[in-house]
Amino acid sequence: MAKKIEIGTTLSGQDAIDFINYMKNPTYTDRANKMMKKIIRESEQQKK
């Protein structure tokens, strides 16, 4: 029987540093920002 494949990403070195810095200060395009706001509003409406 085949082994189960674990899915995941491991970052190291400069890639890890860049990712951490991006997560601390993410940048979005105007379109992406509008989409995120819409998704958050819809998510909050579904919770009610």
C-alpha atoms as a PDB file:
ATOM      1  CA  MET A   1       0.000   0.000   0.000  1.00  0.00           C
ATOM      2  CA  ALA A   2       1.253   3.482  -0.844  1.00  0.00           C
ATOM      3  CA  LYS A   3       2.286   5.941   1.835  1.00  0.00           C
ATOM      4  CA  LYS A   4       0.071   8.957   2.450  1.00  0.00           C
ATOM      5  CA  ILE A   5       1.633  12.147   1.099  1.00  0.00           C
ATOM      6  CA  GLU A   6       1.696  15.030   3.556  1.00  0.00           C
ATOM      7  CA  ILE A   7       0.961  18.374   1.950  1.00  0.00           C
ATOM      8  CA  GLY A   8       2.815  21.391   3.212  1.00  0.00           C
ATOM      9  CA  THR A   9       5.311  24.083   2.446  1.00  0.00           C
ATOM     10  CA  THR A  10       8.556  24.680   4.242  1.00  0.00           C
ATOM     11  CA  LEU A  11      10.372  27.936   3.735  1.00  0.00           C
ATOM     12  CA  SER A  12      13.946  28.538   4.736  1.00  0.00           C
ATOM     13  CA  GLY A  13      16.567  31.223   4.445  1.00  0.00           C
ATOM     14  CA  GLN A  14      15.656  34.437   2.653  1.00  0.00           C
ATOM     15  CA  ASP A  15      12.309  32.995   1.497  1.00  0.00           C
ATOM     16  CA  ALA A  16      11.258  32.523   5.134  1.00  0.00           C
ATOM     17  CA  ILE A  17      12.422  36.026   6.069  1.00  0.00           C
ATOM     18  CA  ASP A  18      10.573  37.582   3.110  1.00  0.00           C
ATOM     19  CA  PHE A  19       7.387  35.673   3.982  1.00  0.00           C
ATOM     20  CA  ILE A  20       7.487  36.748   7.639  1.00  0.00           C
ATOM     21  CA  ASN A  21       8.067  40.374   6.644  1.00  0.00           C
ATOM     22  CA  TYR A  22       5.208  40.224   4.134  1.00  0.00           C
ATOM     23  CA  MET A  23       2.841  38.758   6.733  1.00  0.00           C
ATOM     24  CA  LYS A  24       3.731  41.611   9.100  1.00  0.00           C
ATOM     25  CA  ASN A  25       3.040  44.223   6.422  1.00  0.00           C
ATOM     26  CA  PRO A  26       1.021  42.722   3.541  1.00  0.00           C
ATOM     27  CA  THR A  27       0.429  44.721   0.381  1.00  0.00           C
ATOM     28  CA  TYR A  28      -2.618  44.386  -1.825  1.00  0.00           C
ATOM     29  CA  THR A  29      -3.728  45.906  -5.079  1.00  0.00           C
ATOM     30  CA  ASP A  30      -6.825  48.101  -4.915  1.00  0.00           C
ATOM     31  CA  ARG A  31      -8.854  45.317  -6.547  1.00  0.00           C
ATOM     32  CA  ALA A  32      -7.648  42.725  -4.056  1.00  0.00           C
ATOM     33  CA  ASN A  33      -8.395  45.082  -1.173  1.00  0.00           C
ATOM     34  CA  LYS A  34     -11.987  45.577  -2.402  1.00  0.00           C
ATOM     35  CA  MET A  35     -12.407  41.811  -2.793  1.00  0.00           C
ATOM     36  CA  MET A  36     -11.118  41.167   0.747  1.00  0.00           C
ATOM     37  CA  LYS A  37     -13.533  43.737   2.206  1.00  0.00           C
ATOM     38  CA  LYS A  38     -16.415  42.129   0.296  1.00  0.00           C
ATOM     39  CA  ILE A  39     -15.463  38.658   1.517  1.00  0.00           C
ATOM     40  CA  ILE A  40     -15.217  39.868   5.128  1.00  0.00           C
ATOM     41  CA  ARG A  41     -18.660  41.546   4.906  1.00  0.00           C
ATOM     42  CA  GLU A  42     -20.216  38.396   3.431  1.00  0.00           C
ATOM     43  CA  SER A  43     -18.564  36.230   6.065  1.00  0.00           C
ATOM     44  CA  GLU A  44     -19.892  38.454   8.864  1.00  0.00           C
ATOM     45  CA  GLN A  45     -23.405  38.337   7.367  1.00  0.00           C
ATOM     46  CA  GLN A  46     -23.337  34.535   7.295  1.00  0.00           C
ATOM     47  CA  LYS A  47     -22.472  34.426  11.017  1.00  0.00           C
ATOM     48  CA  LYS A  48     -25.723  36.231  11.898  1.00  0.00           C
END
